[in-house]
Amino acid sequence: HDALLVRNKFLGEWASNILGLNDYKKIKYITKLVKLTKENSKFIVKKIEEDFAKNDINISFKEIELKTKDFYIKANVLVENKFKLNNWK
């Protein structure tokens, strides 16, 4: 679950940069995606795809899905390393 949360944070940062959001809207957008952590990946990818489409950004569902998988791998590494550091006595 922690890794999904971190993944959504990465996704939110990535998508909000592409959408060209200002700092305030960027934080709101990231928060919104983090709140969707319980949803399945397809739902989140679809949400980002719709936001891109509304702003005439031509990035496909497939591309967003690949980004999601990349961010999940990164998030897993981060969470695992944090866990190891916290439990390393």
Protein backbone atom coordinates (compact mmCIF):
# COMPACT_ATOMS: atom_id res chain seq x y z
CA HIS A 1 0.00 0.00 0.00
CA ASP A 2 2.84 2.40 0.81
CA ALA A 3 4.35 1.82 -2.63
CA LEU A 4 1.01 2.61 -4.31
CA LEU A 5 0.78 5.84 -2.37
CA VAL A 6 4.29 6.86 -3.40
CA ARG A 7 3.57 5.80 -6.98
CA ASN A 8 0.51 8.06 -7.09
CA LYS A 9 2.57 10.94 -5.72
CA PHE A 10 5.10 10.45 -8.52
CA LEU A 11 2.27 10.20 -11.06
CA GLY A 12 0.69 13.37 -9.72
CA GLU A 13 3.96 15.27 -9.98
CA TRP A 14 4.59 14.00 -13.50
CA ALA A 15 1.05 14.70 -14.76
CA SER A 16 0.79 18.11 -13.09
CA ASN A 17 4.06 19.19 -14.75
CA ILE A 18 2.75 18.11 -18.15
CA LEU A 19 -0.52 19.95 -17.44
CA GLY A 20 1.53 23.04 -16.59
CA LEU A 21 -0.17 23.59 -13.23
CA ASN A 22 1.04 26.26 -10.84
CA ASP A 23 2.38 25.23 -7.42
CA TYR A 24 -0.99 25.52 -5.66
CA LYS A 25 -2.88 23.51 -8.31
CA LYS A 26 -0.01 21.02 -8.50
CA ILE A 27 -0.32 20.23 -4.77
CA LYS A 28 -4.11 19.87 -5.13
CA TYR A 29 -3.68 17.55 -8.12
CA ILE A 30 -1.10 15.36 -6.38
CA THR A 31 -3.31 15.19 -3.28
CA LYS A 32 -6.27 14.17 -5.43
CA LEU A 33 -4.30 11.29 -6.99
CA VAL A 34 -2.95 10.17 -3.63
CA LYS A 35 -6.55 10.01 -2.36
CA LEU A 36 -7.31 7.62 -5.25
CA THR A 37 -4.75 5.09 -3.98
CA LYS A 38 -7.52 2.59 -3.17
CA GLU A 39 -8.72 2.69 -6.79
CA ASN A 40 -7.24 0.31 -9.35
CA SER A 41 -4.49 1.48 -11.70
CA LYS A 42 -6.76 1.59 -14.77
CA PHE A 43 -9.07 4.06 -13.01
CA ILE A 44 -6.17 6.38 -12.20
CA VAL A 45 -4.67 6.10 -15.69
CA LYS A 46 -8.11 6.89 -17.20
CA LYS A 47 -8.43 9.94 -14.90
CA ILE A 48 -5.04 11.30 -16.00
CA GLU A 49 -5.83 10.51 -19.65
CA GLU A 50 -9.08 12.52 -19.37
CA ASP A 51 -7.24 15.45 -17.76
CA PHE A 52 -4.68 15.39 -20.58
CA ALA A 53 -7.42 15.17 -23.25
CA LYS A 54 -9.25 18.17 -21.72
CA ASN A 55 -6.04 20.15 -22.13
CA ASP A 56 -5.27 18.90 -25.68
CA ILE A 57 -2.28 16.89 -24.47
CA ASN A 58 -1.83 13.89 -26.71
CA ILE A 59 -0.46 11.22 -24.38
CA SER A 60 -2.14 7.82 -24.76
CA PHE A 61 -3.60 5.53 -22.12
CA LYS A 62 -0.79 3.07 -22.95
CA GLU A 63 1.92 5.69 -22.33
CA ILE A 64 0.37 6.74 -19.01
CA GLU A 65 0.06 3.08 -18.05
CA LEU A 66 3.79 2.55 -18.75
CA LYS A 67 4.62 5.60 -16.62
CA THR A 68 2.45 4.15 -13.86
CA LYS A 69 4.40 0.88 -13.95
CA ASP A 70 7.75 2.71 -13.96
CA PHE A 71 6.71 4.82 -10.98
CA TYR A 72 5.48 1.72 -9.15
CA ILE A 73 8.89 0.07 -9.55
CA LYS A 74 10.61 3.25 -8.29
CA ALA A 75 8.16 3.54 -5.39
CA ASN A 76 8.75 -0.09 -4.39
CA VAL A 77 12.51 0.46 -4.29
CA LEU A 78 12.06 3.58 -2.15
CA VAL A 79 9.66 1.92 0.27
CA GLU A 80 11.85 -1.20 0.57
CA ASN A 81 14.99 0.83 1.20
CA LYS A 82 13.22 2.96 3.80
CA PHE A 83 11.98 -0.20 5.49
CA LYS A 84 15.50 -1.67 5.53
CA LEU A 85 16.98 1.54 6.92
CA ASN A 86 14.35 1.75 9.65
CA ASN A 87 14.92 -1.86 10.68
CA TRP A 88 18.69 -1.90 10.42
CA LYS A 89 20.13 -1.88 13.90
